[in-house]
N, C-alpha and C. Protein backbone atom coordinates (compact mmCIF):
# COMPACT_ATOMS: atom_id res chain seq x y z
N UNK A 1 8.80 -24.48 -9.27
CA UNK A 1 8.09 -23.19 -9.03
C UNK A 1 8.90 -22.12 -8.56
N UNK A 2 8.98 -20.94 -9.06
CA UNK A 2 9.85 -19.91 -8.84
C UNK A 2 9.22 -19.22 -7.69
N UNK A 3 10.04 -19.01 -6.73
CA UNK A 3 9.61 -18.26 -5.37
C UNK A 3 9.64 -16.81 -5.74
N UNK A 4 9.01 -15.96 -4.85
CA UNK A 4 8.99 -14.51 -5.19
C UNK A 4 10.31 -14.04 -4.70
N UNK A 5 10.78 -13.17 -5.43
CA UNK A 5 12.09 -12.39 -5.13
C UNK A 5 11.99 -11.72 -3.77
N UNK A 6 13.02 -11.94 -2.96
CA UNK A 6 13.10 -11.17 -1.61
C UNK A 6 13.17 -9.69 -1.92
N UNK A 7 14.06 -9.28 -3.08
CA UNK A 7 14.24 -7.93 -3.15
C UNK A 7 12.74 -7.15 -3.58
N UNK A 8 11.97 -7.87 -4.51
CA UNK A 8 10.68 -7.28 -4.67
C UNK A 8 9.84 -7.05 -3.57
N UNK A 9 9.94 -7.93 -2.50
CA UNK A 9 9.25 -7.88 -1.28
C UNK A 9 9.61 -6.66 -0.38
N UNK A 10 11.06 -6.47 -0.59
CA UNK A 10 11.70 -5.43 0.39
C UNK A 10 11.27 -4.03 -0.46
N UNK A 11 11.01 -4.08 -1.52
CA UNK A 11 10.59 -2.70 -2.49
C UNK A 11 9.00 -2.50 -2.15
N UNK A 12 8.31 -3.62 -2.19
CA UNK A 12 6.90 -3.34 -1.72
C UNK A 12 6.75 -2.83 -0.11
N UNK A 13 7.63 -3.46 0.71
CA UNK A 13 7.69 -2.80 2.08
C UNK A 13 7.94 -1.50 2.19
N UNK A 14 8.99 -1.06 1.28
CA UNK A 14 9.42 0.20 1.49
C UNK A 14 8.41 1.28 0.74
N UNK A 15 7.79 0.77 -0.32
CA UNK A 15 6.85 1.76 -0.79
C UNK A 15 5.53 1.84 0.08
N UNK A 16 5.10 0.59 0.68
CA UNK A 16 4.06 1.00 1.76
C UNK A 16 4.28 1.72 2.74
N UNK A 17 5.60 1.55 3.38
CA UNK A 17 5.97 2.48 4.34
C UNK A 17 6.10 3.95 4.07
N UNK A 18 6.58 4.40 2.89
CA UNK A 18 6.74 5.54 2.37
C UNK A 18 5.29 6.20 2.33
N UNK A 19 4.28 5.36 1.58
CA UNK A 19 2.94 5.90 1.46
C UNK A 19 2.30 6.01 2.86
N UNK A 20 2.68 5.13 3.95
CA UNK A 20 2.07 5.44 5.27
C UNK A 20 2.51 6.62 5.83
N UNK A 21 3.89 7.07 5.59
CA UNK A 21 4.44 8.22 6.09
C UNK A 21 3.69 9.35 5.52
N UNK A 22 3.38 9.36 4.19
CA UNK A 22 2.59 10.54 3.68
C UNK A 22 1.01 10.64 4.21
N UNK A 23 0.62 9.42 4.54
CA UNK A 23 -0.70 9.59 5.19
C UNK A 23 -0.81 10.23 6.35
N UNK A 24 0.46 9.99 7.27
CA UNK A 24 0.25 10.58 8.57
C UNK A 24 0.84 11.99 8.62
N UNK A 25 1.59 12.27 7.50
CA UNK A 25 2.10 13.57 7.26
C UNK A 25 0.94 14.58 6.92
N UNK A 26 0.03 13.87 6.05
CA UNK A 26 -1.25 14.41 5.70
C UNK A 26 -2.35 14.68 6.97
N UNK A 27 -2.43 13.72 7.76
CA UNK A 27 -3.13 14.02 8.80
C UNK A 27 -2.52 14.98 9.92
N UNK A 28 -1.20 15.09 9.83
CA UNK A 28 -0.81 16.03 11.05
C UNK A 28 -0.95 17.35 10.32
N UNK A 29 -0.72 17.61 8.83
CA UNK A 29 -0.94 18.84 8.26
C UNK A 29 -2.50 19.44 8.37
N UNK A 30 -3.32 18.27 8.30
CA UNK A 30 -4.85 18.65 8.40
C UNK A 30 -5.13 19.08 9.91
N UNK A 31 -4.45 18.58 10.87
CA UNK A 31 -4.64 19.02 12.21
C UNK A 31 -4.16 20.56 12.55
N UNK A 32 -2.96 20.67 11.82
CA UNK A 32 -2.09 21.90 11.78
C UNK A 32 -3.09 22.97 11.32
N UNK A 33 -3.66 22.62 9.98
CA UNK A 33 -4.67 23.70 9.51
C UNK A 33 -5.78 24.25 10.39
N UNK A 34 -6.26 23.42 11.28
CA UNK A 34 -7.13 24.14 12.12
C UNK A 34 -6.75 25.20 13.16
N UNK A 35 -5.41 25.45 13.30
CA UNK A 35 -4.90 26.31 14.06
C UNK A 35 -4.45 27.52 13.23
N UNK A 36 -4.53 27.53 12.10
CA UNK A 36 -4.53 28.68 11.25
C UNK A 36 -5.55 29.64 11.34
N UNK A 37 -5.05 31.17 11.57
CA UNK A 37 -6.21 32.17 11.64
C UNK A 37 -6.56 32.86 10.42
N UNK A 38 -5.83 32.86 9.45
CA UNK A 38 -6.32 33.42 7.94
C UNK A 38 -6.97 32.40 7.33
N UNK A 39 -8.35 32.73 7.00
CA UNK A 39 -9.13 31.84 6.16
C UNK A 39 -8.77 31.20 4.97
N UNK A 40 -8.03 32.16 4.22
CA UNK A 40 -7.59 31.59 2.88
C UNK A 40 -6.54 30.67 3.14
N UNK A 41 -5.42 30.78 4.00
CA UNK A 41 -4.46 29.79 4.34
C UNK A 41 -5.12 28.43 4.94
N UNK A 42 -6.31 28.53 5.85
CA UNK A 42 -6.89 27.49 6.23
C UNK A 42 -7.44 26.56 5.01
N UNK A 43 -8.09 27.18 4.07
CA UNK A 43 -8.89 26.49 2.91
C UNK A 43 -7.81 25.81 2.16
N UNK A 44 -6.70 26.57 1.79
CA UNK A 44 -5.73 25.87 0.87
C UNK A 44 -4.95 24.70 1.73
N UNK A 45 -4.63 24.89 2.96
CA UNK A 45 -3.97 23.97 3.69
C UNK A 45 -4.93 22.76 3.74
N UNK A 46 -6.27 22.89 4.19
CA UNK A 46 -7.19 22.07 4.42
C UNK A 46 -7.34 21.15 3.30
N UNK A 47 -7.57 21.74 1.91
CA UNK A 47 -7.58 20.91 0.74
C UNK A 47 -6.42 20.29 0.45
N UNK A 48 -5.19 20.76 0.56
CA UNK A 48 -3.93 20.16 0.21
C UNK A 48 -3.65 19.05 1.13
N UNK A 49 -4.07 19.00 2.47
CA UNK A 49 -3.62 17.91 3.49
C UNK A 49 -4.81 16.78 3.05
N UNK A 50 -5.99 17.01 2.57
CA UNK A 50 -6.82 15.97 2.18
C UNK A 50 -6.49 15.36 0.85
N UNK A 51 -5.99 16.02 0.07
CA UNK A 51 -5.46 15.43 -1.36
C UNK A 51 -4.15 14.78 -0.89
N UNK A 52 -3.33 15.14 -0.14
CA UNK A 52 -2.16 14.14 0.35
C UNK A 52 -2.77 12.99 0.89
N UNK A 53 -3.77 13.10 1.85
CA UNK A 53 -4.22 11.83 2.55
C UNK A 53 -4.86 10.85 1.51
N UNK A 54 -5.58 11.54 0.60
CA UNK A 54 -6.25 10.68 -0.53
C UNK A 54 -5.43 10.02 -1.24
N UNK A 55 -4.53 10.76 -1.90
CA UNK A 55 -3.34 9.92 -2.84
C UNK A 55 -2.53 8.82 -2.09
N UNK A 56 -2.07 9.12 -0.83
CA UNK A 56 -1.37 8.21 -0.26
C UNK A 56 -2.22 7.02 0.27
N UNK A 57 -3.39 7.21 0.65
CA UNK A 57 -4.13 6.14 0.99
C UNK A 57 -4.47 5.34 -0.01
N UNK A 58 -4.75 5.73 -1.24
CA UNK A 58 -4.90 4.98 -2.46
C UNK A 58 -3.50 4.03 -3.00
N UNK A 59 -2.45 4.83 -2.58
CA UNK A 59 -1.19 4.11 -2.83
C UNK A 59 -1.15 3.06 -1.99
N UNK A 60 -1.48 3.17 -0.71
CA UNK A 60 -1.13 2.15 0.41
C UNK A 60 -2.13 0.81 -0.08
N UNK A 61 -3.25 1.18 -0.52
CA UNK A 61 -4.16 0.18 -0.82
C UNK A 61 -3.72 -0.58 -2.17
N UNK A 62 -3.20 0.21 -2.90
CA UNK A 62 -2.63 -0.59 -4.20
C UNK A 62 -1.44 -1.25 -4.06
N UNK A 63 -0.65 -0.92 -3.14
CA UNK A 63 0.58 -1.78 -2.89
C UNK A 63 0.27 -2.81 -2.24
N UNK A 64 -0.55 -2.70 -1.07
CA UNK A 64 -1.04 -3.98 -0.23
C UNK A 64 -1.75 -4.97 -1.13
N UNK A 65 -2.70 -4.55 -2.13
CA UNK A 65 -3.38 -5.34 -2.99
C UNK A 65 -2.40 -6.03 -4.08
N UNK A 66 -1.36 -5.39 -4.47
CA UNK A 66 -0.41 -5.93 -5.28
C UNK A 66 0.35 -7.16 -4.63
N UNK A 67 0.77 -6.71 -3.36
CA UNK A 67 1.44 -7.82 -2.73
C UNK A 67 0.75 -9.03 -2.31
N UNK A 68 -0.53 -8.78 -1.94
CA UNK A 68 -1.70 -9.70 -1.46
C UNK A 68 -1.91 -10.75 -2.73
N UNK A 69 -2.12 -10.15 -4.15
CA UNK A 69 -2.21 -10.84 -5.01
C UNK A 69 -0.95 -11.84 -5.58
N UNK A 70 0.00 -11.33 -5.38
CA UNK A 70 1.36 -11.93 -5.50
C UNK A 70 1.52 -13.00 -4.69
N UNK A 71 1.33 -12.99 -3.45
CA UNK A 71 1.21 -14.02 -2.50
C UNK A 71 0.16 -15.08 -2.63
N UNK A 72 -1.01 -14.61 -3.01
CA UNK A 72 -2.17 -15.45 -3.17
C UNK A 72 -1.92 -16.24 -4.44
N UNK A 73 -1.41 -15.56 -5.44
CA UNK A 73 -1.06 -16.26 -6.71
C UNK A 73 0.20 -17.38 -6.69
N UNK A 74 1.03 -17.13 -5.76
CA UNK A 74 2.19 -18.03 -5.28
C UNK A 74 1.62 -19.16 -4.66
N UNK A 75 0.81 -19.01 -3.67
CA UNK A 75 0.03 -20.02 -2.83
C UNK A 75 -0.64 -20.95 -3.74
N UNK A 76 -1.44 -20.21 -4.61
CA UNK A 76 -2.38 -21.04 -5.46
C UNK A 76 -1.62 -21.89 -6.46
N UNK A 77 -0.67 -21.31 -7.16
CA UNK A 77 0.18 -22.10 -8.04
C UNK A 77 0.98 -23.12 -7.30
N UNK A 78 1.36 -23.08 -6.22
CA UNK A 78 2.02 -24.04 -5.19
C UNK A 78 0.94 -25.15 -5.00
N UNK A 79 -0.15 -24.78 -4.65
CA UNK A 79 -1.18 -25.88 -4.41
C UNK A 79 -1.63 -26.69 -5.66
N UNK A 80 -1.74 -25.84 -6.78
CA UNK A 80 -1.97 -26.57 -7.96
C UNK A 80 -0.84 -27.52 -8.25
N UNK A 81 0.45 -27.09 -8.10
CA UNK A 81 1.53 -28.13 -8.45
C UNK A 81 1.42 -29.40 -7.43
N UNK A 82 1.15 -29.11 -6.14
CA UNK A 82 1.06 -30.18 -5.10
C UNK A 82 -0.11 -31.19 -5.80
N UNK A 83 -1.18 -30.57 -6.32
CA UNK A 83 -2.49 -31.44 -6.66
C UNK A 83 -2.05 -32.16 -8.07
N UNK A 84 -1.18 -31.53 -8.72
CA UNK A 84 -0.83 -32.31 -10.02
C UNK A 84 0.37 -33.44 -9.61
N UNK A 85 1.12 -33.14 -8.75
CA UNK A 85 1.84 -34.13 -8.31
C UNK A 85 1.27 -35.39 -7.76
N UNK A 86 0.34 -35.20 -6.76
CA UNK A 86 -0.50 -36.19 -6.30
C UNK A 86 -1.36 -36.81 -7.25
N UNK A 87 -1.99 -36.06 -8.10
CA UNK A 87 -2.91 -36.92 -9.19
C UNK A 87 -1.92 -37.70 -10.13
N UNK A 88 -0.82 -37.23 -10.43
CA UNK A 88 0.05 -37.88 -11.27
C UNK A 88 0.69 -39.18 -10.78
N UNK A 89 0.73 -39.28 -9.48
CA UNK A 89 1.23 -40.38 -8.81
C UNK A 89 0.45 -41.59 -8.48
N UNK A 90 -0.96 -41.24 -8.76
CA UNK A 90 -1.77 -42.25 -8.75
C UNK A 90 -1.99 -43.16 -9.88
C-alpha cells in the first residue's frame, strides 16, 4: 500500500490556510464597508466582500473534502488489505 505523499498534505494545508486568510480578509472588508459614508462605495464594497467570502468558503470546503476523501480512502484501502491478509491466512 502506498502511503499519501507528505508534500501533497503540505500543499493541501497551504491551500486551506490561504483560503482561510481570504475568508477573514473578506469579513474584515465587510466590516469596513459599514463605516463608509458614500452609498455607492458601500454597495460596491459590500458585494465585493460577500463575493470574496463566498468563493473562499467554497474553496475551504473543497480542499477539506479532498483531504478527507484522500484520508478516508487510504484508511479504507488499508483496512481492506488487512482483511484480505487475515482471510487469506485461514
